[in-house]
Full PDB file with SEQRES, HELIX, SHEET, SSBOND, CRYST1, ORIGX, SCALE, CONECT and MASTER records, all heavy atoms in Angstrom:
SEQRES   1 A   37  ALA TYR LEU LEU LEU THR CYS MET VAL VAL THR SER THR          
SEQRES   2 A   37  ASP GLN TRP GLN ARG ARG LEU GLY ARG ASN TRP ARG ARG          
SEQRES   3 A   37  LEU HIS ARG THR GLY MET TYR TYR LEU GLY VAL                  
HELIX    1 AA1 TYR A    2  VAL A   10  1                                   9    
HELIX    2 AA2 ASP A   14  LEU A   20  1                                   7    
HELIX    3 AA3 ARG A   22  GLY A   36  1                                  15    
CRYST1    1.000    1.000    1.000  90.00  90.00  90.00 P 1           1          
ORIGX1      1.000000  0.000000  0.000000        0.00000                         
ORIGX2      0.000000  1.000000  0.000000        0.00000                         
ORIGX3      0.000000  0.000000  1.000000        0.00000                         
SCALE1      1.000000  0.000000  0.000000        0.00000                         
SCALE2      0.000000  1.000000  0.000000        0.00000                         
SCALE3      0.000000  0.000000  1.000000        0.00000                         
ATOM      1  N   ALA A   1      -6.579   9.592   3.992  1.00  0.00           N  
ATOM      2  CA  ALA A   1      -6.911   8.829   2.783  1.00  0.00           C  
ATOM      3  C   ALA A   1      -5.899   9.105   1.680  1.00  0.00           C  
ATOM      4  O   ALA A   1      -5.403   8.176   1.022  1.00  0.00           O  
ATOM      5  CB  ALA A   1      -8.323   9.181   2.313  1.00  0.00           C  
ATOM      6  N   TYR A   2      -5.563  10.361   1.478  1.00  0.00           N  
ATOM      7  CA  TYR A   2      -4.613  10.702   0.412  1.00  0.00           C  
ATOM      8  C   TYR A   2      -3.190  10.320   0.784  1.00  0.00           C  
ATOM      9  O   TYR A   2      -2.381  10.009  -0.100  1.00  0.00           O  
ATOM     10  CB  TYR A   2      -4.717  12.185   0.076  1.00  0.00           C  
ATOM     11  CG  TYR A   2      -5.879  12.476  -0.830  1.00  0.00           C  
ATOM     12  CD1 TYR A   2      -7.076  12.978  -0.334  1.00  0.00           C  
ATOM     13  CD2 TYR A   2      -5.807  12.199  -2.193  1.00  0.00           C  
ATOM     14  CE1 TYR A   2      -8.157  13.225  -1.160  1.00  0.00           C  
ATOM     15  CE2 TYR A   2      -6.881  12.434  -3.033  1.00  0.00           C  
ATOM     16  CZ  TYR A   2      -8.052  12.948  -2.516  1.00  0.00           C  
ATOM     17  OH  TYR A   2      -9.121  13.171  -3.344  1.00  0.00           O  
ATOM     18  N   LEU A   3      -2.869  10.323   2.065  1.00  0.00           N  
ATOM     19  CA  LEU A   3      -1.550   9.856   2.490  1.00  0.00           C  
ATOM     20  C   LEU A   3      -1.395   8.366   2.192  1.00  0.00           C  
ATOM     21  O   LEU A   3      -0.371   7.931   1.625  1.00  0.00           O  
ATOM     22  CB  LEU A   3      -1.357  10.120   3.984  1.00  0.00           C  
ATOM     23  CG  LEU A   3      -0.056   9.603   4.598  1.00  0.00           C  
ATOM     24  CD1 LEU A   3       1.153  10.259   3.938  1.00  0.00           C  
ATOM     25  CD2 LEU A   3      -0.041   9.849   6.112  1.00  0.00           C  
ATOM     26  N   LEU A   4      -2.405   7.582   2.553  1.00  0.00           N  
ATOM     27  CA  LEU A   4      -2.367   6.149   2.276  1.00  0.00           C  
ATOM     28  C   LEU A   4      -2.346   5.886   0.770  1.00  0.00           C  
ATOM     29  O   LEU A   4      -1.596   5.029   0.289  1.00  0.00           O  
ATOM     30  CB  LEU A   4      -3.578   5.457   2.906  1.00  0.00           C  
ATOM     31  CG  LEU A   4      -3.547   5.290   4.425  1.00  0.00           C  
ATOM     32  CD1 LEU A   4      -4.907   4.827   4.939  1.00  0.00           C  
ATOM     33  CD2 LEU A   4      -2.468   4.295   4.837  1.00  0.00           C  
ATOM     34  N   LEU A   5      -3.162   6.638   0.028  1.00  0.00           N  
ATOM     35  CA  LEU A   5      -3.209   6.451  -1.420  1.00  0.00           C  
ATOM     36  C   LEU A   5      -1.855   6.744  -2.048  1.00  0.00           C  
ATOM     37  O   LEU A   5      -1.390   5.996  -2.921  1.00  0.00           O  
ATOM     38  CB  LEU A   5      -4.278   7.363  -2.030  1.00  0.00           C  
ATOM     39  CG  LEU A   5      -4.415   7.315  -3.555  1.00  0.00           C  
ATOM     40  CD1 LEU A   5      -4.828   5.915  -4.009  1.00  0.00           C  
ATOM     41  CD2 LEU A   5      -5.404   8.354  -4.045  1.00  0.00           C  
ATOM     42  N   THR A   6      -1.216   7.813  -1.615  1.00  0.00           N  
ATOM     43  CA  THR A   6       0.096   8.169  -2.167  1.00  0.00           C  
ATOM     44  C   THR A   6       1.131   7.094  -1.854  1.00  0.00           C  
ATOM     45  O   THR A   6       1.942   6.734  -2.719  1.00  0.00           O  
ATOM     46  CB  THR A   6       0.555   9.526  -1.617  1.00  0.00           C  
ATOM     47  OG1 THR A   6      -0.421  10.521  -1.947  1.00  0.00           O  
ATOM     48  CG2 THR A   6       1.898   9.919  -2.191  1.00  0.00           C  
ATOM     49  N   CYS A   7       1.096   6.564  -0.635  1.00  0.00           N  
ATOM     50  CA  CYS A   7       2.017   5.472  -0.274  1.00  0.00           C  
ATOM     51  C   CYS A   7       1.762   4.241  -1.136  1.00  0.00           C  
ATOM     52  O   CYS A   7       2.707   3.564  -1.563  1.00  0.00           O  
ATOM     53  CB  CYS A   7       1.855   5.120   1.203  1.00  0.00           C  
ATOM     54  SG  CYS A   7       2.450   6.387   2.345  1.00  0.00           S  
ATOM     55  N   MET A   8       0.500   3.967  -1.425  1.00  0.00           N  
ATOM     56  CA  MET A   8       0.157   2.822  -2.258  1.00  0.00           C  
ATOM     57  C   MET A   8       0.636   3.014  -3.689  1.00  0.00           C  
ATOM     58  O   MET A   8       1.132   2.080  -4.326  1.00  0.00           O  
ATOM     59  CB  MET A   8      -1.354   2.599  -2.219  1.00  0.00           C  
ATOM     60  CG  MET A   8      -1.868   2.121  -0.870  1.00  0.00           C  
ATOM     61  SD  MET A   8      -3.651   2.353  -0.676  1.00  0.00           S  
ATOM     62  CE  MET A   8      -4.265   1.166  -1.865  1.00  0.00           C  
ATOM     63  N   VAL A   9       0.485   4.234  -4.201  1.00  0.00           N  
ATOM     64  CA  VAL A   9       0.930   4.515  -5.567  1.00  0.00           C  
ATOM     65  C   VAL A   9       2.447   4.389  -5.675  1.00  0.00           C  
ATOM     66  O   VAL A   9       2.978   3.778  -6.603  1.00  0.00           O  
ATOM     67  CB  VAL A   9       0.469   5.920  -6.011  1.00  0.00           C  
ATOM     68  CG1 VAL A   9       1.130   6.322  -7.321  1.00  0.00           C  
ATOM     69  CG2 VAL A   9      -1.051   5.964  -6.154  1.00  0.00           C  
ATOM     70  N   VAL A  10       3.153   4.984  -4.709  1.00  0.00           N  
ATOM     71  CA  VAL A  10       4.615   4.966  -4.737  1.00  0.00           C  
ATOM     72  C   VAL A  10       5.154   3.539  -4.650  1.00  0.00           C  
ATOM     73  O   VAL A  10       6.143   3.191  -5.313  1.00  0.00           O  
ATOM     74  CB  VAL A  10       5.179   5.828  -3.593  1.00  0.00           C  
ATOM     75  CG1 VAL A  10       6.689   5.642  -3.454  1.00  0.00           C  
ATOM     76  CG2 VAL A  10       4.859   7.309  -3.832  1.00  0.00           C  
ATOM     77  N   THR A  11       4.501   2.713  -3.853  1.00  0.00           N  
ATOM     78  CA  THR A  11       4.996   1.338  -3.645  1.00  0.00           C  
ATOM     79  C   THR A  11       4.330   0.338  -4.594  1.00  0.00           C  
ATOM     80  O   THR A  11       4.452  -0.874  -4.395  1.00  0.00           O  
ATOM     81  CB  THR A  11       4.744   0.895  -2.189  1.00  0.00           C  
ATOM     82  OG1 THR A  11       3.327   0.928  -1.920  1.00  0.00           O  
ATOM     83  CG2 THR A  11       5.461   1.800  -1.211  1.00  0.00           C  
ATOM     84  N   SER A  12       3.653   0.817  -5.619  1.00  0.00           N  
ATOM     85  CA  SER A  12       2.935  -0.083  -6.522  1.00  0.00           C  
ATOM     86  C   SER A  12       3.832  -0.610  -7.636  1.00  0.00           C  
ATOM     87  O   SER A  12       3.549  -0.460  -8.814  1.00  0.00           O  
ATOM     88  CB  SER A  12       1.734   0.649  -7.126  1.00  0.00           C  
ATOM     89  OG  SER A  12       0.923  -0.253  -7.839  1.00  0.00           O  
ATOM     90  N   THR A  13       4.926  -1.219  -7.239  1.00  0.00           N  
ATOM     91  CA  THR A  13       5.856  -1.843  -8.184  1.00  0.00           C  
ATOM     92  C   THR A  13       6.312  -3.178  -7.622  1.00  0.00           C  
ATOM     93  O   THR A  13       6.220  -3.426  -6.406  1.00  0.00           O  
ATOM     94  CB  THR A  13       7.094  -0.959  -8.428  1.00  0.00           C  
ATOM     95  OG1 THR A  13       7.817  -0.827  -7.187  1.00  0.00           O  
ATOM     96  CG2 THR A  13       6.710   0.420  -8.944  1.00  0.00           C  
ATOM     97  N   ASP A  14       6.812  -4.040  -8.493  1.00  0.00           N  
ATOM     98  CA  ASP A  14       7.329  -5.329  -8.043  1.00  0.00           C  
ATOM     99  C   ASP A  14       8.507  -5.139  -7.084  1.00  0.00           C  
ATOM    100  O   ASP A  14       8.656  -5.888  -6.118  1.00  0.00           O  
ATOM    101  CB  ASP A  14       7.775  -6.165  -9.244  1.00  0.00           C  
ATOM    102  CG  ASP A  14       6.613  -6.522 -10.152  1.00  0.00           C  
ATOM    103  OD1 ASP A  14       5.453  -6.421  -9.700  1.00  0.00           O  
ATOM    104  OD2 ASP A  14       6.862  -6.896 -11.310  1.00  0.00           O  
ATOM    105  N   GLN A  15       9.344  -4.136  -7.374  1.00  0.00           N  
ATOM    106  CA  GLN A  15      10.518  -3.899  -6.523  1.00  0.00           C  
ATOM    107  C   GLN A  15      10.111  -3.533  -5.095  1.00  0.00           C  
ATOM    108  O   GLN A  15      10.676  -4.049  -4.130  1.00  0.00           O  
ATOM    109  CB  GLN A  15      11.383  -2.786  -7.122  1.00  0.00           C  
ATOM    110  CG  GLN A  15      12.058  -3.142  -8.442  1.00  0.00           C  
ATOM    111  CD  GLN A  15      11.126  -2.985  -9.631  1.00  0.00           C  
ATOM    112  OE1 GLN A  15       9.961  -2.601  -9.484  1.00  0.00           O  
ATOM    113  NE2 GLN A  15      11.643  -3.280 -10.829  1.00  0.00           N  
ATOM    114  N   TRP A  16       9.125  -2.638  -4.962  1.00  0.00           N  
ATOM    115  CA  TRP A  16       8.671  -2.256  -3.635  1.00  0.00           C  
ATOM    116  C   TRP A  16       7.979  -3.408  -2.931  1.00  0.00           C  
ATOM    117  O   TRP A  16       8.092  -3.562  -1.713  1.00  0.00           O  
ATOM    118  CB  TRP A  16       7.745  -1.051  -3.711  1.00  0.00           C  
ATOM    119  CG  TRP A  16       8.459   0.259  -3.638  1.00  0.00           C  
ATOM    120  CD1 TRP A  16       8.680   1.135  -4.650  1.00  0.00           C  
ATOM    121  CD2 TRP A  16       9.067   0.814  -2.476  1.00  0.00           C  
ATOM    122  NE1 TRP A  16       9.389   2.220  -4.192  1.00  0.00           N  
ATOM    123  CE2 TRP A  16       9.639   2.059  -2.856  1.00  0.00           C  
ATOM    124  CE3 TRP A  16       9.192   0.400  -1.143  1.00  0.00           C  
ATOM    125  CZ2 TRP A  16      10.320   2.877  -1.964  1.00  0.00           C  
ATOM    126  CZ3 TRP A  16       9.873   1.220  -0.244  1.00  0.00           C  
ATOM    127  CH2 TRP A  16      10.418   2.431  -0.652  1.00  0.00           C  
ATOM    128  N   GLN A  17       7.291  -4.240  -3.679  1.00  0.00           N  
ATOM    129  CA  GLN A  17       6.633  -5.383  -3.057  1.00  0.00           C  
ATOM    130  C   GLN A  17       7.663  -6.337  -2.460  1.00  0.00           C  
ATOM    131  O   GLN A  17       7.481  -6.840  -1.343  1.00  0.00           O  
ATOM    132  CB  GLN A  17       5.757  -6.122  -4.073  1.00  0.00           C  
ATOM    133  CG  GLN A  17       4.937  -7.244  -3.443  1.00  0.00           C  
ATOM    134  CD  GLN A  17       4.014  -7.916  -4.435  1.00  0.00           C  
ATOM    135  OE1 GLN A  17       4.146  -7.695  -5.634  1.00  0.00           O  
ATOM    136  NE2 GLN A  17       3.095  -8.715  -3.956  1.00  0.00           N  
ATOM    137  N   ARG A  18       8.749  -6.569  -3.197  1.00  0.00           N  
ATOM    138  CA  ARG A  18       9.814  -7.440  -2.672  1.00  0.00           C  
ATOM    139  C   ARG A  18      10.519  -6.779  -1.495  1.00  0.00           C  
ATOM    140  O   ARG A  18      10.882  -7.454  -0.524  1.00  0.00           O  
ATOM    141  CB  ARG A  18      10.812  -7.760  -3.778  1.00  0.00           C  
ATOM    142  CG  ARG A  18      10.274  -8.700  -4.857  1.00  0.00           C  
ATOM    143  CD  ARG A  18      11.384  -9.202  -5.750  1.00  0.00           C  
ATOM    144  NE  ARG A  18      11.959  -8.109  -6.536  1.00  0.00           N  
ATOM    145  CZ  ARG A  18      11.560  -7.775  -7.752  1.00  0.00           C  
ATOM    146  NH1 ARG A  18      10.562  -8.436  -8.331  1.00  0.00           N  
ATOM    147  NH2 ARG A  18      12.138  -6.785  -8.408  1.00  0.00           N  
ATOM    148  N   ARG A  19      10.712  -5.459  -1.553  1.00  0.00           N  
ATOM    149  CA  ARG A  19      11.434  -4.761  -0.503  1.00  0.00           C  
ATOM    150  C   ARG A  19      10.644  -4.731   0.805  1.00  0.00           C  
ATOM    151  O   ARG A  19      11.212  -4.897   1.887  1.00  0.00           O  
ATOM    152  CB  ARG A  19      11.738  -3.329  -0.957  1.00  0.00           C  
ATOM    153  CG  ARG A  19      12.568  -2.527   0.034  1.00  0.00           C  
ATOM    154  CD  ARG A  19      12.836  -1.122  -0.480  1.00  0.00           C  
ATOM    155  NE  ARG A  19      13.529  -1.139  -1.759  1.00  0.00           N  
ATOM    156  CZ  ARG A  19      13.861  -0.040  -2.427  1.00  0.00           C  
ATOM    157  NH1 ARG A  19      13.552   1.160  -1.941  1.00  0.00           N  
ATOM    158  NH2 ARG A  19      14.503  -0.131  -3.572  1.00  0.00           N  
ATOM    159  N   LEU A  20       9.328  -4.518   0.715  1.00  0.00           N  
ATOM    160  CA  LEU A  20       8.506  -4.407   1.918  1.00  0.00           C  
ATOM    161  C   LEU A  20       8.041  -5.757   2.448  1.00  0.00           C  
ATOM    162  O   LEU A  20       7.671  -5.864   3.616  1.00  0.00           O  
ATOM    163  CB  LEU A  20       7.284  -3.528   1.634  1.00  0.00           C  
ATOM    164  CG  LEU A  20       7.566  -2.059   1.335  1.00  0.00           C  
ATOM    165  CD1 LEU A  20       6.273  -1.330   1.021  1.00  0.00           C  
ATOM    166  CD2 LEU A  20       8.278  -1.397   2.502  1.00  0.00           C  
ATOM    167  N   GLY A  21       8.040  -6.780   1.586  1.00  0.00           N  
ATOM    168  CA  GLY A  21       7.613  -8.102   2.038  1.00  0.00           C  
ATOM    169  C   GLY A  21       6.166  -8.102   2.501  1.00  0.00           C  
ATOM    170  O   GLY A  21       5.279  -7.601   1.825  1.00  0.00           O  
ATOM    171  N   ARG A  22       5.933  -8.646   3.702  1.00  0.00           N  
ATOM    172  CA  ARG A  22       4.573  -8.723   4.229  1.00  0.00           C  
ATOM    173  C   ARG A  22       3.985  -7.339   4.501  1.00  0.00           C  
ATOM    174  O   ARG A  22       2.761  -7.164   4.469  1.00  0.00           O  
ATOM    175  CB  ARG A  22       4.559  -9.559   5.512  1.00  0.00           C  
ATOM    176  CG  ARG A  22       4.871 -11.039   5.303  1.00  0.00           C  
ATOM    177  CD  ARG A  22       4.779 -11.791   6.604  1.00  0.00           C  
ATOM    178  NE  ARG A  22       5.033 -13.221   6.424  1.00  0.00           N  
ATOM    179  CZ  ARG A  22       5.045 -14.109   7.414  1.00  0.00           C  
ATOM    180  NH1 ARG A  22       4.793 -13.699   8.670  1.00  0.00           N  
ATOM    181  NH2 ARG A  22       5.281 -15.382   7.170  1.00  0.00           N  
ATOM    182  N   ASN A  23       4.833  -6.379   4.808  1.00  0.00           N  
ATOM    183  CA  ASN A  23       4.338  -5.028   5.082  1.00  0.00           C  
ATOM    184  C   ASN A  23       3.687  -4.405   3.853  1.00  0.00           C  
ATOM    185  O   ASN A  23       2.841  -3.518   3.976  1.00  0.00           O  
ATOM    186  CB  ASN A  23       5.475  -4.135   5.581  1.00  0.00           C  
ATOM    187  CG  ASN A  23       5.935  -4.528   6.961  1.00  0.00           C  
ATOM    188  OD1 ASN A  23       5.137  -4.967   7.790  1.00  0.00           O  
ATOM    189  ND2 ASN A  23       7.221  -4.391   7.225  1.00  0.00           N  
ATOM    190  N   TRP A  24       4.095  -4.849   2.658  1.00  0.00           N  
ATOM    191  CA  TRP A  24       3.474  -4.335   1.434  1.00  0.00           C  
ATOM    192  C   TRP A  24       1.993  -4.687   1.416  1.00  0.00           C  
ATOM    193  O   TRP A  24       1.145  -3.853   1.145  1.00  0.00           O  
ATOM    194  CB  TRP A  24       4.176  -4.930   0.218  1.00  0.00           C  
ATOM    195  CG  TRP A  24       3.702  -4.380  -1.094  1.00  0.00           C  
ATOM    196  CD1 TRP A  24       4.206  -3.320  -1.774  1.00  0.00           C  
ATOM    197  CD2 TRP A  24       2.610  -4.877  -1.889  1.00  0.00           C  
ATOM    198  NE1 TRP A  24       3.520  -3.121  -2.950  1.00  0.00           N  
ATOM    199  CE2 TRP A  24       2.529  -4.062  -3.048  1.00  0.00           C  
ATOM    200  CE3 TRP A  24       1.708  -5.931  -1.741  1.00  0.00           C  
ATOM    201  CZ2 TRP A  24       1.573  -4.260  -4.031  1.00  0.00           C  
ATOM    202  CZ3 TRP A  24       0.746  -6.128  -2.739  1.00  0.00           C  
ATOM    203  CH2 TRP A  24       0.698  -5.299  -3.863  1.00  0.00           C  
ATOM    204  N   ARG A  25       1.689  -5.935   1.716  1.00  0.00           N  
ATOM    205  CA  ARG A  25       0.291  -6.374   1.727  1.00  0.00           C  
ATOM    206  C   ARG A  25      -0.485  -5.659   2.826  1.00  0.00           C  
ATOM    207  O   ARG A  25      -1.648  -5.278   2.621  1.00  0.00           O  
ATOM    208  CB  ARG A  25       0.215  -7.888   1.911  1.00  0.00           C  
ATOM    209  CG  ARG A  25      -1.201  -8.440   1.820  1.00  0.00           C  
ATOM    210  CD  ARG A  25      -1.192  -9.964   1.897  1.00  0.00           C  
ATOM    211  NE  ARG A  25      -0.518 -10.535   0.741  1.00  0.00           N  
ATOM    212  CZ  ARG A  25      -1.113 -10.761  -0.422  1.00  0.00           C  
ATOM    213  NH1 ARG A  25      -2.400 -10.463  -0.589  1.00  0.00           N  
ATOM    214  NH2 ARG A  25      -0.455 -11.298  -1.426  1.00  0.00           N  
ATOM    215  N   ARG A  26       0.146  -5.480   3.981  1.00  0.00           N  
ATOM    216  CA  ARG A  26      -0.536  -4.776   5.077  1.00  0.00           C  
ATOM    217  C   ARG A  26      -0.861  -3.343   4.679  1.00  0.00           C  
ATOM    218  O   ARG A  26      -1.956  -2.839   4.954  1.00  0.00           O  
ATOM    219  CB  ARG A  26       0.339  -4.792   6.330  1.00  0.00           C  
ATOM    220  CG  ARG A  26       0.558  -6.166   6.937  1.00  0.00           C  
ATOM    221  CD  ARG A  26       1.225  -6.056   8.287  1.00  0.00           C  
ATOM    222  NE  ARG A  26       1.520  -7.378   8.850  1.00  0.00           N  
ATOM    223  CZ  ARG A  26       2.721  -7.911   8.888  1.00  0.00           C  
ATOM    224  NH1 ARG A  26       3.763  -7.250   8.387  1.00  0.00           N  
ATOM    225  NH2 ARG A  26       2.910  -9.106   9.406  1.00  0.00           N  
ATOM    226  N   LEU A  27       0.089  -2.661   4.058  1.00  0.00           N  
ATOM    227  CA  LEU A  27      -0.119  -1.276   3.635  1.00  0.00           C  
ATOM    228  C   LEU A  27      -1.265  -1.176   2.643  1.00  0.00           C  
ATOM    229  O   LEU A  27      -2.175  -0.348   2.804  1.00  0.00           O  
ATOM    230  CB  LEU A  27       1.162  -0.723   3.011  1.00  0.00           C  
ATOM    231  CG  LEU A  27       1.027   0.614   2.261  1.00  0.00           C  
ATOM    232  CD1 LEU A  27       0.622   1.725   3.214  1.00  0.00           C  
ATOM    233  CD2 LEU A  27       2.334   0.953   1.534  1.00  0.00           C  
ATOM    234  N   HIS A  28      -1.244  -2.000   1.616  1.00  0.00           N  
ATOM    235  CA  HIS A  28      -2.253  -1.901   0.565  1.00  0.00           C  
ATOM    236  C   HIS A  28      -3.621  -2.375   1.039  1.00  0.00           C  
ATOM    237  O   HIS A  28      -4.643  -1.806   0.635  1.00  0.00           O  
ATOM    238  CB  HIS A  28      -1.793  -2.677  -0.669  1.00  0.00           C  
ATOM    239  CG  HIS A  28      -0.697  -1.987  -1.412  1.00  0.00           C  
ATOM    240  ND1 HIS A  28      -0.876  -1.428  -2.655  1.00  0.00           N  
ATOM    241  CD2 HIS A  28       0.592  -1.736  -1.076  1.00  0.00           C  
ATOM    242  CE1 HIS A  28       0.247  -0.863  -3.065  1.00  0.00           C  
ATOM    243  NE2 HIS A  28       1.154  -1.047  -2.116  1.00  0.00           N  
ATOM    244  N   ARG A  29      -3.639  -3.363   1.895  1.00  0.00           N  
ATOM    245  CA  ARG A  29      -4.927  -3.809   2.433  1.00  0.00           C  
ATOM    246  C   ARG A  29      -5.519  -2.733   3.337  1.00  0.00           C  
ATOM    247  O   ARG A  29      -6.725  -2.449   3.254  1.00  0.00           O  
ATOM    248  CB  ARG A  29      -4.746  -5.113   3.205  1.00  0.00           C  
ATOM    249  CG  ARG A  29      -6.039  -5.644   3.818  1.00  0.00           C  
ATOM    250  CD  ARG A  29      -5.820  -6.987   4.486  1.00  0.00           C  
ATOM    251  NE  ARG A  29      -5.473  -8.021   3.521  1.00  0.00           N  
ATOM    252  CZ  ARG A  29      -5.148  -9.264   3.854  1.00  0.00           C  
ATOM    253  NH1 ARG A  29      -5.107  -9.611   5.135  1.00  0.00           N  
ATOM    254  NH2 ARG A  29      -4.862 -10.143   2.921  1.00  0.00           N  
ATOM    255  N   THR A  30      -4.695  -2.142   4.186  1.00  0.00           N  
ATOM    256  CA  THR A  30      -5.170  -1.074   5.058  1.00  0.00           C  
ATOM    257  C   THR A  30      -5.700   0.096   4.239  1.00  0.00           C  
ATOM    258  O   THR A  30      -6.775   0.638   4.536  1.00  0.00           O  
ATOM    259  CB  THR A  30      -4.037  -0.582   5.978  1.00  0.00           C  
ATOM    260  OG1 THR A  30      -3.577  -1.671   6.794  1.00  0.00           O  
ATOM    261  CG2 THR A  30      -4.515   0.548   6.881  1.00  0.00           C  
ATOM    262  N   GLY A  31      -4.965   0.477   3.210  1.00  0.00           N  
ATOM    263  CA  GLY A  31      -5.383   1.593   2.377  1.00  0.00           C  
ATOM    264  C   GLY A  31      -6.700   1.326   1.669  1.00  0.00           C  
ATOM    265  O   GLY A  31      -7.588   2.191   1.641  1.00  0.00           O  
ATOM    266  N   MET A  32      -6.856   0.132   1.105  1.00  0.00           N  
ATOM    267  CA  MET A  32      -8.078  -0.192   0.383  1.00  0.00           C  
ATOM    268  C   MET A  32      -9.278  -0.235   1.327  1.00  0.00           C  
ATOM    269  O   MET A  32     -10.359   0.290   0.996  1.00  0.00           O  
ATOM    270  CB  MET A  32      -7.931  -1.523  -0.352  1.00  0.00           C  
ATOM    271  CG  MET A  32      -6.922  -1.513  -1.490  1.00  0.00           C  
ATOM    272  SD  MET A  32      -7.375  -0.397  -2.841  1.00  0.00           S  
ATOM    273  CE  MET A  32      -8.680  -1.329  -3.646  1.00  0.00           C  
ATOM    274  N   TYR A  33      -9.108  -0.836   2.485  1.00  0.00           N  
ATOM    275  CA  TYR A  33     -10.224  -0.903   3.423  1.00  0.00           C  
ATOM    276  C   TYR A  33     -10.570   0.479   3.973  1.00  0.00           C  
ATOM    277  O   TYR A  33     -11.752   0.809   4.144  1.00  0.00           O  
ATOM    278  CB  TYR A  33      -9.904  -1.856   4.575  1.00  0.00           C  
ATOM    279  CG  TYR A  33     -10.285  -3.288   4.286  1.00  0.00           C  
ATOM    280  CD1 TYR A  33      -9.401  -4.166   3.688  1.00  0.00           C  
ATOM    281  CD2 TYR A  33     -11.557  -3.763   4.600  1.00  0.00           C  
ATOM    282  CE1 TYR A  33      -9.753  -5.475   3.408  1.00  0.00           C  
ATOM    283  CE2 TYR A  33     -11.921  -5.071   4.334  1.00  0.00           C  
ATOM    284  CZ  TYR A  33     -11.013  -5.928   3.739  1.00  0.00           C  
ATOM    285  OH  TYR A  33     -11.377  -7.212   3.452  1.00  0.00           O  
ATOM    286  N   TYR A  34      -9.553   1.286   4.243  1.00  0.00           N  
ATOM    287  CA  TYR A  34      -9.829   2.635   4.744  1.00  0.00           C  
ATOM    288  C   TYR A  34     -10.599   3.448   3.713  1.00  0.00           C  
ATOM    289  O   TYR A  34     -11.594   4.108   4.033  1.00  0.00           O  
ATOM    290  CB  TYR A  34      -8.520   3.343   5.102  1.00  0.00           C  
ATOM    291  CG  TYR A  34      -8.740   4.723   5.668  1.00  0.00           C  
ATOM    292  CD1 TYR A  34      -9.082   4.896   7.005  1.00  0.00           C  
ATOM    293  CD2 TYR A  34      -8.628   5.851   4.863  1.00  0.00           C  
ATOM    294  CE1 TYR A  34      -9.297   6.163   7.525  1.00  0.00           C  
ATOM    295  CE2 TYR A  34      -8.838   7.124   5.379  1.00  0.00           C  
ATOM    296  CZ  TYR A  34      -9.170   7.270   6.706  1.00  0.00           C  
ATOM    297  OH  TYR A  34      -9.400   8.529   7.218  1.00  0.00           O  
ATOM    298  N   LEU A  35     -10.149   3.408   2.465  1.00  0.00           N  
ATOM    299  CA  LEU A  35     -10.851   4.120   1.398  1.00  0.00           C  
ATOM    300  C   LEU A  35     -12.265   3.572   1.199  1.00  0.00           C  
ATOM    301  O   LEU A  35     -13.216   4.327   0.974  1.00  0.00           O  
ATOM    302  CB  LEU A  35     -10.062   4.024   0.096  1.00  0.00           C  
ATOM    303  CG  LEU A  35      -8.777   4.857   0.039  1.00  0.00           C  
ATOM    304  CD1 LEU A  35      -7.882   4.389  -1.103  1.00  0.00           C  
ATOM    305  CD2 LEU A  35      -9.105   6.336  -0.119  1.00  0.00           C  
ATOM    306  N   GLY A  36     -12.402   2.251   1.295  1.00  0.00           N  
ATOM    307  CA  GLY A  36     -13.723   1.647   1.152  1.00  0.00           C  
ATOM    308  C   GLY A  36     -14.684   2.106   2.233  1.00  0.00           C  
ATOM    309  O   GLY A  36     -15.849   2.421   1.949  1.00  0.00           O  
ATOM    310  N   VAL A  37     -14.213   2.153   3.466  1.00  0.00           N  
ATOM    311  CA  VAL A  37     -15.050   2.628   4.572  1.00  0.00           C  
ATOM    312  C   VAL A  37     -15.394   4.106   4.379  1.00  0.00           C  
ATOM    313  O   VAL A  37     -16.529   4.538   4.624  1.00  0.00           O  
ATOM    314  CB  VAL A  37     -14.340   2.416   5.924  1.00  0.00           C  
ATOM    315  CG1 VAL A  37     -15.068   3.143   7.050  1.00  0.00           C  
ATOM    316  CG2 VAL A  37     -14.239   0.926   6.232  1.00  0.00           C  
TER     317      VAL A  37                                                      
MASTER        0    0    0    3    0    0    0    6  316    1    0    3          
END                                                                             
């Protein structure tokens, strides 16, 4: 949970979103659902 959260925090910028493309959405969606569960 904290590994995913840290990755989400680090990539929580417009630059990282453009750099990761679709993987950005996959990372953040996975992290949010994992934390929610």
